[in-house]
Amino acid sequence: MKRQTLAGGFIVLAVLTAGAGQTVEQWGRYELAFNGPTNGNPYLDVKFSARFWQRQSVSEVRGFYDGDGIYRARFLPGQPGEWHYLTVSSCREFNGQTGVFTVTGPSARNHGPVRVANTYHFAYADGTPCQELGTTCYVWQLQPEALQEQTLKTLAAAAFNKLRFCVFPKRYQWNTNEPILYPQAGRL
């Protein structure tokens, strides 16, 4: 790593989604964010992780560069109570940062992450069965913005809890629109 990547006085943003002394619900997102270097290749030059622990439970979370000089680490605490964190980074400005936060019980609609249950099924972390109902949006990104917005409104009112997109441009008789963005270099 180049020395200039680590040089400079970077400011630690007060950065916690549930800042120091604050709370986050069980399975809610707790986020650390730090202002850091943008020179060089921040995706590769800066190593960043955070260790979260509560009694015997320890989780190591890899951080990531989120653009505009911001580095983040996100954590979904699995148990209520007091949690601690320690950051580990090749960037000295946010290496060794520590803190404590409190995790409350989950809200009524928060059942936690989905996991495999009984080999062939899915359930949320609290045991509530997860019934998947999904659809697919083909060539959505190739449609006019008004139609994209209409699709989003329609889906928001639907019972779907899973959505799959086809991201590769397709040319159909009824669709010859050029995409705004391509998922790969080139043109149709």
C-alpha atoms as a PDB file:
ATOM      1  CA  MET A   1       0.000   0.000   0.000  1.00  0.00           C
ATOM      2  CA  LYS A   2       1.251   3.451  -0.851  1.00  0.00           C
ATOM      3  CA  ARG A   3       2.058   5.702   2.064  1.00  0.00           C
ATOM      4  CA  GLN A   4       0.144   8.654   0.579  1.00  0.00           C
ATOM      5  CA  THR A   5      -3.049   6.578   0.713  1.00  0.00           C
ATOM      6  CA  LEU A   6      -2.859   6.676   4.488  1.00  0.00           C
ATOM      7  CA  ALA A   7      -1.640  10.250   4.826  1.00  0.00           C
ATOM      8  CA  GLY A   8      -3.886  13.143   5.742  1.00  0.00           C
ATOM      9  CA  GLY A   9      -6.144  14.075   8.618  1.00  0.00           C
ATOM     10  CA  PHE A  10      -9.391  12.256   7.983  1.00  0.00           C
ATOM     11  CA  ILE A  11     -12.354  12.960  10.183  1.00  0.00           C
ATOM     12  CA  VAL A  12     -14.369  10.218  11.807  1.00  0.00           C
ATOM     13  CA  LEU A  13     -17.967  11.042  10.996  1.00  0.00           C
ATOM     14  CA  ALA A  14     -20.377  10.694  13.834  1.00  0.00           C
ATOM     15  CA  VAL A  15     -21.384   7.898  12.126  1.00  0.00           C
ATOM     16  CA  LEU A  16     -23.481   5.455  13.682  1.00  0.00           C
ATOM     17  CA  THR A  17     -26.943   4.768  12.470  1.00  0.00           C
ATOM     18  CA  ALA A  18     -27.565   4.231  16.149  1.00  0.00           C
ATOM     19  CA  GLY A  19     -24.734   6.419  17.487  1.00  0.00           C
ATOM     20  CA  ALA A  20     -22.861   5.978  20.752  1.00  0.00           C
ATOM     21  CA  GLY A  21     -25.237   5.409  23.623  1.00  0.00           C
ATOM     22  CA  GLN A  22     -28.156   4.910  21.254  1.00  0.00           C
ATOM     23  CA  THR A  23     -30.208   1.850  20.435  1.00  0.00           C
ATOM     24  CA  VAL A  24     -31.052  -0.284  17.433  1.00  0.00           C
ATOM     25  CA  GLU A  25     -33.593  -3.087  17.319  1.00  0.00           C
ATOM     26  CA  GLN A  26     -32.620  -6.743  17.060  1.00  0.00           C
ATOM     27  CA  TRP A  27     -31.933  -7.573  13.387  1.00  0.00           C
ATOM     28  CA  GLY A  28     -31.991  -3.849  12.614  1.00  0.00           C
ATOM     29  CA  ARG A  29     -29.058  -2.296  10.753  1.00  0.00           C
ATOM     30  CA  TYR A  30     -26.272  -0.810  12.848  1.00  0.00           C
ATOM     31  CA  GLU A  31     -23.844   1.106  10.675  1.00  0.00           C
ATOM     32  CA  LEU A  32     -20.396   2.566  11.130  1.00  0.00           C
ATOM     33  CA  ALA A  33     -19.208   5.121   8.563  1.00  0.00           C
ATOM     34  CA  PHE A  34     -15.865   6.878   8.337  1.00  0.00           C
ATOM     35  CA  ASN A  35     -14.467   9.557   6.079  1.00  0.00           C
ATOM     36  CA  GLY A  36     -11.207   8.309   4.587  1.00  0.00           C
ATOM     37  CA  PRO A  37      -8.812   8.426   1.662  1.00  0.00           C
ATOM     38  CA  THR A  38     -10.032   8.756  -1.909  1.00  0.00           C
ATOM     39  CA  ASN A  39      -6.676   8.703  -3.688  1.00  0.00           C
ATOM     40  CA  GLY A  40      -5.210   5.561  -5.193  1.00  0.00           C
ATOM     41  CA  ASN A  41      -7.754   2.753  -5.398  1.00  0.00           C
ATOM     42  CA  PRO A  42      -9.841   2.984  -2.199  1.00  0.00           C
ATOM     43  CA  TYR A  43     -11.585  -0.300  -3.055  1.00  0.00           C
ATOM     44  CA  LEU A  44      -8.290  -2.181  -2.820  1.00  0.00           C
ATOM     45  CA  ASP A  45      -5.836   0.033  -0.928  1.00  0.00           C
ATOM     46  CA  VAL A  46      -7.777   0.383   2.330  1.00  0.00           C
ATOM     47  CA  LYS A  47      -8.568  -2.710   4.373  1.00  0.00           C
ATOM     48  CA  PHE A  48     -11.430  -2.224   6.811  1.00  0.00           C
ATOM     49  CA  SER A  49     -13.445  -4.468   9.103  1.00  0.00           C
ATOM     50  CA  ALA A  50     -15.294  -4.240  12.400  1.00  0.00           C
ATOM     51  CA  ARG A  51     -15.573  -6.788  15.186  1.00  0.00           C
ATOM     52  CA  PHE A  52     -18.887  -6.785  17.071  1.00  0.00           C
ATOM     53  CA  TRP A  53     -19.335  -8.742  20.291  1.00  0.00           C
ATOM     54  CA  GLN A  54     -21.708  -9.426  23.126  1.00  0.00           C
ATOM     55  CA  ARG A  55     -20.656 -11.890  25.838  1.00  0.00           C
ATOM     56  CA  GLN A  56     -19.609 -15.049  23.907  1.00  0.00           C
ATOM     57  CA  SER A  57     -21.076 -13.954  20.558  1.00  0.00           C
ATOM     58  CA  VAL A  58     -18.528 -12.410  18.154  1.00  0.00           C
ATOM     59  CA  SER A  59     -19.075 -11.327  14.549  1.00  0.00           C
ATOM     60  CA  GLU A  60     -16.426 -10.018  12.154  1.00  0.00           C
ATOM     61  CA  VAL A  61     -17.860  -7.775   9.426  1.00  0.00           C
ATOM     62  CA  ARG A  62     -15.919  -6.687   6.338  1.00  0.00           C
ATOM     63  CA  GLY A  63     -16.216  -3.009   5.640  1.00  0.00           C
ATOM     64  CA  PHE A  64     -16.478  -1.529   2.172  1.00  0.00           C
ATOM     65  CA  TYR A  65     -15.783   1.669   0.287  1.00  0.00           C
ATOM     66  CA  ASP A  66     -19.077   3.408  -0.527  1.00  0.00           C
ATOM     67  CA  GLY A  67     -17.742   6.231  -2.700  1.00  0.00           C
ATOM     68  CA  ASP A  68     -17.143   9.912  -1.966  1.00  0.00           C
ATOM     69  CA  GLY A  69     -14.503   9.039   0.651  1.00  0.00           C
ATOM     70  CA  ILE A  70     -16.953   7.093   2.869  1.00  0.00           C
ATOM     71  CA  TYR A  71     -16.102   3.658   4.295  1.00  0.00           C
ATOM     72  CA  ARG A  72     -18.891   1.642   5.925  1.00  0.00           C
ATOM     73  CA  ALA A  73     -19.414  -1.495   7.989  1.00  0.00           C
ATOM     74  CA  ARG A  74     -22.950  -2.804   8.575  1.00  0.00           C
ATOM     75  CA  PHE A  75     -24.102  -5.254  11.204  1.00  0.00           C
ATOM     76  CA  LEU A  76     -27.433  -6.908  12.067  1.00  0.00           C
ATOM     77  CA  PRO A  77     -27.253  -7.768  15.789  1.00  0.00           C
ATOM     78  CA  GLY A  78     -28.930 -11.085  16.520  1.00  0.00           C
ATOM     79  CA  GLN A  79     -29.527 -10.654  20.270  1.00  0.00           C
ATOM     80  CA  PRO A  80     -30.834  -7.856  22.495  1.00  0.00           C
ATOM     81  CA  GLY A  81     -28.518  -6.297  25.064  1.00  0.00           C
ATOM     82  CA  GLU A  82     -25.305  -4.322  25.114  1.00  0.00           C
ATOM     83  CA  TRP A  83     -22.949  -4.752  22.139  1.00  0.00           C
ATOM     84  CA  HIS A  84     -19.393  -3.520  21.620  1.00  0.00           C
ATOM     85  CA  TYR A  85     -17.370  -2.909  18.473  1.00  0.00           C
ATOM     86  CA  LEU A  86     -13.743  -2.426  17.480  1.00  0.00           C
ATOM     87  CA  THR A  87     -12.622  -1.331  14.007  1.00  0.00           C
ATOM     88  CA  VAL A  88      -9.565  -2.779  12.280  1.00  0.00           C
ATOM     89  CA  SER A  89      -8.199  -0.858   9.306  1.00  0.00           C
ATOM     90  CA  SER A  90      -5.068  -0.162   7.342  1.00  0.00           C
ATOM     91  CA  CYS A  91      -6.152   3.499   7.545  1.00  0.00           C
ATOM     92  CA  ARG A  92      -4.880   4.760  10.900  1.00  0.00           C
ATOM     93  CA  GLU A  93      -7.624   7.404  11.153  1.00  0.00           C
ATOM     94  CA  PHE A  94     -10.323   4.809  11.695  1.00  0.00           C
ATOM     95  CA  ASN A  95      -8.300   1.886  12.984  1.00  0.00           C
ATOM     96  CA  GLY A  96      -8.997   0.984  16.607  1.00  0.00           C
ATOM     97  CA  GLN A  97     -12.262   2.908  16.942  1.00  0.00           C
ATOM     98  CA  THR A  98     -14.423   1.462  19.719  1.00  0.00           C
ATOM     99  CA  GLY A  99     -17.964   1.924  20.915  1.00  0.00           C
ATOM    100  CA  VAL A 100     -20.952   0.465  22.687  1.00  0.00           C
ATOM    101  CA  PHE A 101     -24.600   0.383  21.642  1.00  0.00           C
ATOM    102  CA  THR A 102     -27.778  -1.184  22.969  1.00  0.00           C
ATOM    103  CA  VAL A 103     -29.976  -3.599  21.049  1.00  0.00           C
ATOM    104  CA  THR A 104     -33.668  -3.725  21.956  1.00  0.00           C
ATOM    105  CA  GLY A 105     -36.142  -6.461  21.043  1.00  0.00           C
ATOM    106  CA  PRO A 106     -37.428  -6.492  17.454  1.00  0.00           C
ATOM    107  CA  SER A 107     -40.472  -4.492  16.405  1.00  0.00           C
ATOM    108  CA  ALA A 108     -43.681  -6.374  15.589  1.00  0.00           C
ATOM    109  CA  ARG A 109     -42.979  -6.607  11.845  1.00  0.00           C
ATOM    110  CA  ASN A 110     -39.270  -7.435  12.164  1.00  0.00           C
ATOM    111  CA  HIS A 111     -38.880 -11.221  12.105  1.00  0.00           C
ATOM    112  CA  GLY A 112     -35.167 -11.236  11.286  1.00  0.00           C
ATOM    113  CA  PRO A 113     -33.269 -12.683   8.346  1.00  0.00           C
ATOM    114  CA  VAL A 114     -34.587 -15.624   6.341  1.00  0.00           C
ATOM    115  CA  ARG A 115     -32.915 -19.001   6.814  1.00  0.00           C
ATOM    116  CA  VAL A 116     -33.420 -22.579   5.682  1.00  0.00           C
ATOM    117  CA  ALA A 117     -35.873 -24.419   7.940  1.00  0.00           C
ATOM    118  CA  ASN A 118     -36.515 -28.169   8.013  1.00  0.00           C
ATOM    119  CA  THR A 119     -34.293 -28.788   4.962  1.00  0.00           C
ATOM    120  CA  TYR A 120     -36.850 -27.781   2.302  1.00  0.00           C
ATOM    121  CA  HIS A 121     -38.456 -24.587   3.627  1.00  0.00           C
ATOM    122  CA  PHE A 122     -37.600 -21.061   4.696  1.00  0.00           C
ATOM    123  CA  ALA A 123     -38.318 -19.297   7.985  1.00  0.00           C
ATOM    124  CA  TYR A 124     -37.374 -16.005   9.565  1.00  0.00           C
ATOM    125  CA  ALA A 125     -34.931 -16.011  12.475  1.00  0.00           C
ATOM    126  CA  ASP A 126     -37.798 -15.853  14.989  1.00  0.00           C
ATOM    127  CA  GLY A 127     -39.331 -19.037  13.498  1.00  0.00           C
ATOM    128  CA  THR A 128     -42.102 -17.356  11.481  1.00  0.00           C
ATOM    129  CA  PRO A 129     -42.499 -19.250   8.195  1.00  0.00           C
ATOM    130  CA  CYS A 130     -41.406 -17.343   5.092  1.00  0.00           C
ATOM    131  CA  GLN A 131     -43.771 -17.851   2.204  1.00  0.00           C
ATOM    132  CA  GLU A 132     -42.133 -16.592  -0.982  1.00  0.00           C
ATOM    133  CA  LEU A 133     -44.262 -15.042  -3.662  1.00  0.00           C
ATOM    134  CA  GLY A 134     -42.283 -13.524  -6.504  1.00  0.00           C
ATOM    135  CA  THR A 135     -42.336 -12.236 -10.019  1.00  0.00           C
ATOM    136  CA  THR A 136     -39.815 -11.265 -12.680  1.00  0.00           C
ATOM    137  CA  CYS A 137     -39.312  -7.913 -14.392  1.00  0.00           C
ATOM    138  CA  TYR A 138     -37.935  -8.425 -17.867  1.00  0.00           C
ATOM    139  CA  VAL A 139     -36.371  -5.472 -19.718  1.00  0.00           C
ATOM    140  CA  TRP A 140     -37.651  -3.072 -17.026  1.00  0.00           C
ATOM    141  CA  GLN A 141     -34.541  -0.902 -17.360  1.00  0.00           C
ATOM    142  CA  LEU A 142     -35.279  -0.485 -21.086  1.00  0.00           C
ATOM    143  CA  GLN A 143     -38.718   1.003 -20.542  1.00  0.00           C
ATOM    144  CA  PRO A 144     -39.547   4.710 -20.366  1.00  0.00           C
ATOM    145  CA  GLU A 145     -39.202   6.240 -16.891  1.00  0.00           C
ATOM    146  CA  ALA A 146     -42.983   6.729 -16.568  1.00  0.00           C
ATOM    147  CA  LEU A 147     -43.559   2.996 -17.119  1.00  0.00           C
ATOM    148  CA  GLN A 148     -40.780   2.133 -14.652  1.00  0.00           C
ATOM    149  CA  GLU A 149     -42.462   4.324 -12.013  1.00  0.00           C
ATOM    150  CA  GLN A 150     -45.857   2.759 -12.744  1.00  0.00           C
ATOM    151  CA  THR A 151     -44.332  -0.705 -12.345  1.00  0.00           C
ATOM    152  CA  LEU A 152     -42.809   0.237  -8.976  1.00  0.00           C
ATOM    153  CA  LYS A 153     -46.131   1.611  -7.710  1.00  0.00           C
ATOM    154  CA  THR A 154     -47.972  -1.495  -8.870  1.00  0.00           C
ATOM    155  CA  LEU A 155     -45.426  -3.790  -7.210  1.00  0.00           C
ATOM    156  CA  ALA A 156     -45.529  -1.789  -3.964  1.00  0.00           C
ATOM    157  CA  ALA A 157     -49.256  -2.541  -3.676  1.00  0.00           C
ATOM    158  CA  ALA A 158     -48.846  -6.236  -4.627  1.00  0.00           C
ATOM    159  CA  ALA A 159     -48.285  -9.213  -2.332  1.00  0.00           C
ATOM    160  CA  PHE A 160     -44.832 -10.022  -3.748  1.00  0.00           C
ATOM    161  CA  ASN A 161     -41.954 -10.364  -1.302  1.00  0.00           C
ATOM    162  CA  LYS A 162     -39.392 -11.336  -3.930  1.00  0.00           C
ATOM    163  CA  LEU A 163     -38.539  -9.687  -7.233  1.00  0.00           C
ATOM    164  CA  ARG A 164     -36.156 -10.926  -9.893  1.00  0.00           C
ATOM    165  CA  PHE A 165     -34.783  -8.731 -12.671  1.00  0.00           C
ATOM    166  CA  CYS A 166     -33.377  -9.665 -16.027  1.00  0.00           C
ATOM    167  CA  VAL A 167     -30.468  -7.214 -16.297  1.00  0.00           C
ATOM    168  CA  PHE A 168     -29.153  -8.194 -19.714  1.00  0.00           C
ATOM    169  CA  PRO A 169     -30.573  -6.203 -22.595  1.00  0.00           C
ATOM    170  CA  LYS A 170     -33.018  -8.174 -24.679  1.00  0.00           C
ATOM    171  CA  ARG A 171     -34.372  -7.210 -28.036  1.00  0.00           C
ATOM    172  CA  TYR A 172     -37.953  -8.246 -28.625  1.00  0.00           C
ATOM    173  CA  GLN A 173     -40.341  -7.288 -31.391  1.00  0.00           C
ATOM    174  CA  TRP A 174     -42.148  -5.027 -28.949  1.00  0.00           C
ATOM    175  CA  ASN A 175     -39.002  -3.705 -27.262  1.00  0.00           C
ATOM    176  CA  THR A 176     -36.190  -2.073 -29.205  1.00  0.00           C
ATOM    177  CA  ASN A 177     -35.412   0.645 -26.652  1.00  0.00           C
ATOM    178  CA  GLU A 178     -31.777   1.391 -25.922  1.00  0.00           C
ATOM    179  CA  PRO A 179     -31.002   0.934 -22.223  1.00  0.00           C
ATOM    180  CA  ILE A 180     -29.978   3.912 -20.090  1.00  0.00           C
ATOM    181  CA  LEU A 181     -27.219   1.742 -18.576  1.00  0.00           C
ATOM    182  CA  TYR A 182     -25.708  -1.531 -19.719  1.00  0.00           C
ATOM    183  CA  PRO A 183     -24.667  -4.275 -17.258  1.00  0.00           C
ATOM    184  CA  GLN A 184     -21.579  -4.798 -19.452  1.00  0.00           C
ATOM    185  CA  ALA A 185     -19.486  -2.743 -21.837  1.00  0.00           C
ATOM    186  CA  GLY A 186     -20.832  -2.374 -25.365  1.00  0.00           C
ATOM    187  CA  ARG A 187     -24.060  -1.926 -27.249  1.00  0.00           C
ATOM    188  CA  LEU A 188     -26.823  -4.206 -28.490  1.00  0.00           C
END
